Amino acid sequence: WLFEQLEGPVYVDGWEDRDDCTVVEIPADCIGYITGARRAALGAMEEEWGVLMFFMNKREDGGKGRGGSEKLIIFGDKRARRGAELKV
């Protein structure tokens, strides 16, 4: 998934059935704050909690515009995911 992000939006099919991930809806106006400059804030949370986090959306979703949201998916063990989720 990391390399797929270089080519465009990434979506994890079947994430609802996985037990190693958590998905959080993030309001569009908060995405920049959570990501940080050059992904610094997101990377710091990943390192702190030992998780992998990225925004996912389907290609056809495109830009959500004002008032929309995006899904932030968090991979890791349950305790680490919960810590990262609360920090977000």
Protein backbone atom coordinates (compact mmCIF):
# COMPACT_ATOMS: atom_id res chain seq x y z
CA TRP A 1 0.00 0.00 0.00
CA LEU A 2 2.88 2.35 0.66
CA PHE A 3 4.13 2.20 -2.90
CA GLU A 4 0.60 2.40 -4.30
CA GLN A 5 0.26 5.82 -2.63
CA LEU A 6 2.95 7.15 -4.94
CA GLU A 7 0.68 6.48 -7.92
CA GLY A 8 -2.58 7.77 -6.46
CA PRO A 9 -5.32 7.12 -3.92
CA VAL A 10 -5.21 3.83 -2.02
CA TYR A 11 -8.20 1.83 -0.79
CA VAL A 12 -8.00 -1.37 1.26
CA ASP A 13 -10.73 -3.67 0.00
CA GLY A 14 -12.37 -5.69 2.73
CA TRP A 15 -11.00 -3.61 5.60
CA GLU A 16 -14.28 -4.16 7.46
CA ASP A 17 -13.48 -7.89 7.78
CA ARG A 18 -9.90 -7.46 9.01
CA ASP A 19 -9.02 -7.63 12.69
CA ASP A 20 -5.66 -5.82 12.37
CA CYS A 21 -6.97 -2.38 11.43
CA THR A 22 -9.12 0.46 12.69
CA VAL A 23 -10.72 3.13 10.51
CA VAL A 24 -11.43 6.67 11.72
CA GLU A 25 -13.44 9.27 9.77
CA ILE A 26 -11.48 12.53 9.69
CA PRO A 27 -13.23 15.80 8.76
CA ALA A 28 -11.70 17.39 5.65
CA ASP A 29 -10.69 20.55 7.49
CA CYS A 30 -8.59 18.51 9.99
CA ILE A 31 -6.65 16.37 7.50
CA GLY A 32 -3.78 18.84 7.06
CA TYR A 33 -3.35 19.20 10.82
CA ILE A 34 -3.27 15.44 11.39
CA THR A 35 -0.92 14.80 8.48
CA GLY A 36 1.46 17.66 9.27
CA ALA A 37 4.14 19.15 7.07
CA ARG A 38 5.61 16.42 4.87
CA ARG A 39 3.64 13.86 6.87
CA ALA A 40 5.60 14.70 10.04
CA ALA A 41 2.70 14.52 12.50
CA LEU A 42 1.36 11.25 11.09
CA GLY A 43 4.86 9.77 11.04
CA ALA A 44 5.48 10.78 14.65
CA MET A 45 2.27 9.06 15.77
CA GLU A 46 3.21 5.95 13.77
CA GLU A 47 6.58 5.83 15.48
CA GLU A 48 5.18 6.53 18.94
CA TRP A 49 2.56 3.77 18.75
CA GLY A 50 4.24 1.31 16.36
CA VAL A 51 1.45 1.45 13.79
CA LEU A 52 1.04 2.13 10.08
CA MET A 53 -1.43 4.89 9.20
CA PHE A 54 -2.62 6.37 5.94
CA PHE A 55 -5.65 8.02 4.42
CA MET A 56 -7.61 5.83 2.06
CA ASN A 57 -10.21 6.68 -0.51
CA LYS A 58 -11.41 5.15 -3.73
CA ARG A 59 -10.23 6.68 -6.99
CA GLU A 60 -13.78 7.58 -7.99
CA ASP A 61 -14.26 9.51 -4.73
CA GLY A 62 -11.78 12.16 -5.87
CA GLY A 63 -11.93 15.45 -3.99
CA LYS A 64 -14.62 15.59 -1.36
CA GLY A 65 -14.85 19.37 -1.30
CA ARG A 66 -15.87 21.33 1.74
CA GLY A 67 -17.60 19.52 4.53
CA GLY A 68 -16.42 16.07 3.48
CA SER A 69 -14.26 13.58 5.30
CA GLU A 70 -11.67 10.91 4.61
CA LYS A 71 -10.99 7.56 6.18
CA LEU A 72 -7.76 7.18 8.15
CA ILE A 73 -6.80 3.51 8.43
CA ILE A 74 -4.55 2.38 11.27
CA PHE A 75 -2.75 -1.00 11.19
CA GLY A 76 -1.13 -2.63 14.20
CA ASP A 77 -2.00 -4.55 17.33
CA LYS A 78 -5.18 -3.58 19.16
CA ARG A 79 -3.57 -1.57 21.97
CA ALA A 80 -1.33 0.40 19.59
CA ARG A 81 -4.24 1.13 17.25
CA ARG A 82 -6.36 2.39 20.14
CA GLY A 83 -3.56 4.67 21.37
CA ALA A 84 -3.05 6.15 17.92
CA GLU A 85 -6.80 6.53 17.44
CA LEU A 86 -7.13 8.46 20.70
CA LYS A 87 -4.16 10.67 19.84
CA VAL A 88 -5.68 11.56 16.47
